[in-house]
Amino acid sequence: MVDVGAKAQTRRTARAGCTVIVGKEVAAALAAGTVAKGDVFTVSEVAGIMAAKRTPDLLPLCHPLLLSRTSVKCHLDEVKASVRVEAEVSCEGQTGVEMESMAAASTAALCIYDMCKPISKGIVITDLRLLSKSGGKSGDYVSPE
């Protein structure tokens, strides 16, 4: 792990997102709330929050961080038959939370796949990326959309 001991504690925030292309049949089931495994978006959002908290267990060189806020939101676009997942994580710390936000978004997307796979195995998770970050030595970043 990189030594961050000499770095100042600052407010760190990161936002990541991805798209889950679910197809028309899954999108209709999500809109109607008829997925057999239950409330897909609530479960996926909780899974994403849990993943953010456990990021150092998934990625060996990530520092354990005391997260002050984690938010995961899933938005269905029935016309495009897709779900947009966005995760935002923040803390007061000596290192950033980019990986925590990306772990949250990707895990929420995987949970959507898991809960919807009985309807379709052709679900595709795409475009996982950092959308923005603030704080720290490298300053702010906003992804060109």
Protein backbone atom coordinates (compact mmCIF):
# COMPACT_ATOMS: atom_id res chain seq x y z
CA MET A 1 0.00 0.00 0.00
CA VAL A 2 1.09 3.55 -0.63
CA ASP A 3 2.06 5.50 2.51
CA VAL A 4 -0.52 8.27 2.93
CA GLY A 5 0.52 9.16 6.47
CA ALA A 6 1.96 12.57 5.57
CA LYS A 7 -1.06 13.60 3.49
CA ALA A 8 -3.55 16.06 4.93
CA GLN A 9 -7.03 14.89 5.82
CA THR A 10 -9.46 16.58 3.47
CA ARG A 11 -13.02 16.04 2.33
CA ARG A 12 -12.94 13.48 -0.48
CA THR A 13 -15.89 12.73 -2.74
CA ALA A 14 -16.19 10.53 -5.81
CA ARG A 15 -19.08 9.68 -8.11
CA ALA A 16 -19.06 6.69 -10.47
CA GLY A 17 -21.60 5.18 -12.80
CA CYS A 18 -22.37 2.45 -15.25
CA THR A 19 -25.19 1.29 -17.50
CA VAL A 20 -27.00 -2.03 -17.35
CA ILE A 21 -28.59 -2.89 -20.68
CA VAL A 22 -31.44 -5.16 -19.62
CA GLY A 23 -33.59 -5.54 -22.73
CA LYS A 24 -37.30 -4.87 -23.21
CA GLU A 25 -38.63 -7.86 -21.25
CA VAL A 26 -36.55 -7.12 -18.14
CA ALA A 27 -37.26 -3.38 -18.39
CA ALA A 28 -40.99 -4.10 -18.44
CA ALA A 29 -40.68 -6.39 -15.40
CA LEU A 30 -38.64 -3.75 -13.56
CA ALA A 31 -41.22 -1.05 -14.38
CA ALA A 32 -44.08 -3.28 -13.25
CA GLY A 33 -42.24 -4.49 -10.14
CA THR A 34 -42.77 -8.12 -11.11
CA VAL A 35 -39.22 -9.49 -10.86
CA ALA A 36 -39.58 -12.72 -8.86
CA LYS A 37 -36.57 -12.08 -6.60
CA GLY A 38 -38.12 -8.86 -5.26
CA ASP A 39 -37.41 -5.13 -5.23
CA VAL A 40 -34.43 -5.05 -7.59
CA PHE A 41 -33.46 -1.42 -7.17
CA THR A 42 -33.61 -1.33 -3.37
CA VAL A 43 -31.61 -4.54 -3.04
CA SER A 44 -29.08 -3.37 -5.65
CA GLU A 45 -28.63 0.00 -3.96
CA VAL A 46 -27.98 -1.70 -0.61
CA ALA A 47 -25.54 -4.13 -2.29
CA GLY A 48 -23.66 -1.15 -3.74
CA ILE A 49 -23.44 0.55 -0.35
CA MET A 50 -22.14 -2.68 1.20
CA ALA A 51 -19.52 -3.00 -1.55
CA ALA A 52 -18.26 0.55 -0.96
CA LYS A 53 -17.74 -0.30 2.70
CA ARG A 54 -15.88 -3.52 1.80
CA THR A 55 -13.71 -2.21 -1.05
CA PRO A 56 -10.37 -3.01 0.72
CA ASP A 57 -11.54 -6.64 0.97
CA LEU A 58 -12.07 -6.72 -2.81
CA LEU A 59 -9.06 -4.68 -3.97
CA PRO A 60 -5.93 -5.69 -2.05
CA LEU A 61 -4.07 -2.36 -2.14
CA CYS A 62 -6.97 -0.08 -1.20
CA HIS A 63 -6.80 1.60 2.20
CA PRO A 64 -9.63 0.92 4.64
CA LEU A 65 -11.54 4.20 4.95
CA LEU A 66 -14.12 5.51 7.36
CA LEU A 67 -16.80 6.51 4.87
CA SER A 68 -19.07 9.37 5.91
CA ARG A 69 -21.62 8.96 3.13
CA THR A 70 -22.48 6.43 0.45
CA SER A 71 -25.40 6.77 -1.94
CA VAL A 72 -26.35 4.46 -4.79
CA LYS A 73 -29.23 5.21 -7.16
CA CYS A 74 -30.65 3.09 -9.98
CA HIS A 75 -32.71 4.80 -12.70
CA LEU A 76 -34.73 2.77 -15.21
CA ASP A 77 -34.97 4.07 -18.77
CA GLU A 78 -37.74 1.89 -20.13
CA VAL A 79 -37.43 3.34 -23.66
CA LYS A 80 -33.72 2.44 -23.87
CA ALA A 81 -34.32 -0.80 -21.90
CA SER A 82 -31.48 0.08 -19.56
CA VAL A 83 -30.71 1.05 -16.00
CA ARG A 84 -28.30 3.84 -15.12
CA VAL A 85 -26.48 3.20 -11.85
CA GLU A 86 -24.75 6.05 -10.01
CA ALA A 87 -22.83 5.84 -6.77
CA GLU A 88 -21.43 8.68 -4.68
CA VAL A 89 -19.07 8.18 -1.77
CA SER A 90 -17.42 10.67 0.57
CA CYS A 91 -15.12 10.75 3.57
CA GLU A 92 -12.70 12.92 5.50
CA GLY A 93 -9.41 11.22 4.84
CA GLN A 94 -5.91 11.05 3.48
CA THR A 95 -6.77 9.18 0.30
CA GLY A 96 -9.57 9.31 -2.25
CA VAL A 97 -12.75 7.30 -2.56
CA GLU A 98 -12.75 6.69 -6.32
CA MET A 99 -12.44 2.93 -5.97
CA GLU A 100 -15.21 2.82 -3.36
CA SER A 101 -17.58 4.64 -5.73
CA MET A 102 -16.67 2.33 -8.62
CA ALA A 103 -17.03 -0.78 -6.43
CA ALA A 104 -20.47 0.46 -5.36
CA ALA A 105 -21.68 1.13 -8.92
CA SER A 106 -20.36 -2.14 -10.33
CA THR A 107 -21.74 -4.25 -7.47
CA ALA A 108 -25.17 -2.64 -7.77
CA ALA A 109 -25.07 -3.47 -11.50
CA LEU A 110 -24.08 -7.07 -10.75
CA CYS A 111 -26.96 -7.33 -8.31
CA ILE A 112 -29.37 -6.16 -11.02
CA TYR A 113 -27.98 -8.89 -13.28
CA ASP A 114 -28.30 -11.51 -10.55
CA MET A 115 -31.89 -10.64 -9.72
CA CYS A 116 -32.99 -10.39 -13.37
CA LYS A 117 -31.10 -13.33 -14.90
CA PRO A 118 -34.10 -15.67 -14.63
CA ILE A 119 -35.82 -13.38 -17.16
CA SER A 120 -32.80 -12.88 -19.44
CA LYS A 121 -29.18 -13.99 -19.45
CA GLY A 122 -28.37 -11.41 -22.15
CA ILE A 123 -28.03 -8.46 -19.75
CA VAL A 124 -24.90 -6.36 -20.42
CA ILE A 125 -23.08 -4.14 -17.92
CA THR A 126 -21.21 -1.36 -19.68
CA ASP A 127 -19.50 2.03 -19.33
CA LEU A 128 -18.27 1.73 -15.74
CA ARG A 129 -16.31 4.90 -15.06
CA LEU A 130 -15.44 7.65 -12.66
CA LEU A 131 -17.81 10.56 -13.26
CA SER A 132 -16.27 13.06 -10.86
CA LYS A 133 -14.05 13.45 -7.83
CA SER A 134 -13.11 16.23 -5.49
CA GLY A 135 -10.53 16.75 -2.78
CA GLY A 136 -6.97 15.67 -2.35
CA LYS A 137 -3.69 16.69 -3.90
CA SER A 138 -4.79 16.06 -7.49
CA GLY A 139 -7.83 18.31 -7.09
CA ASP A 140 -11.15 18.03 -8.83
CA TYR A 141 -12.02 15.93 -11.87
CA VAL A 142 -15.17 15.83 -13.98
CA SER A 143 -15.49 13.24 -16.72
CA PRO A 144 -16.34 14.60 -20.15
CA GLU A 145 -19.85 13.23 -20.74
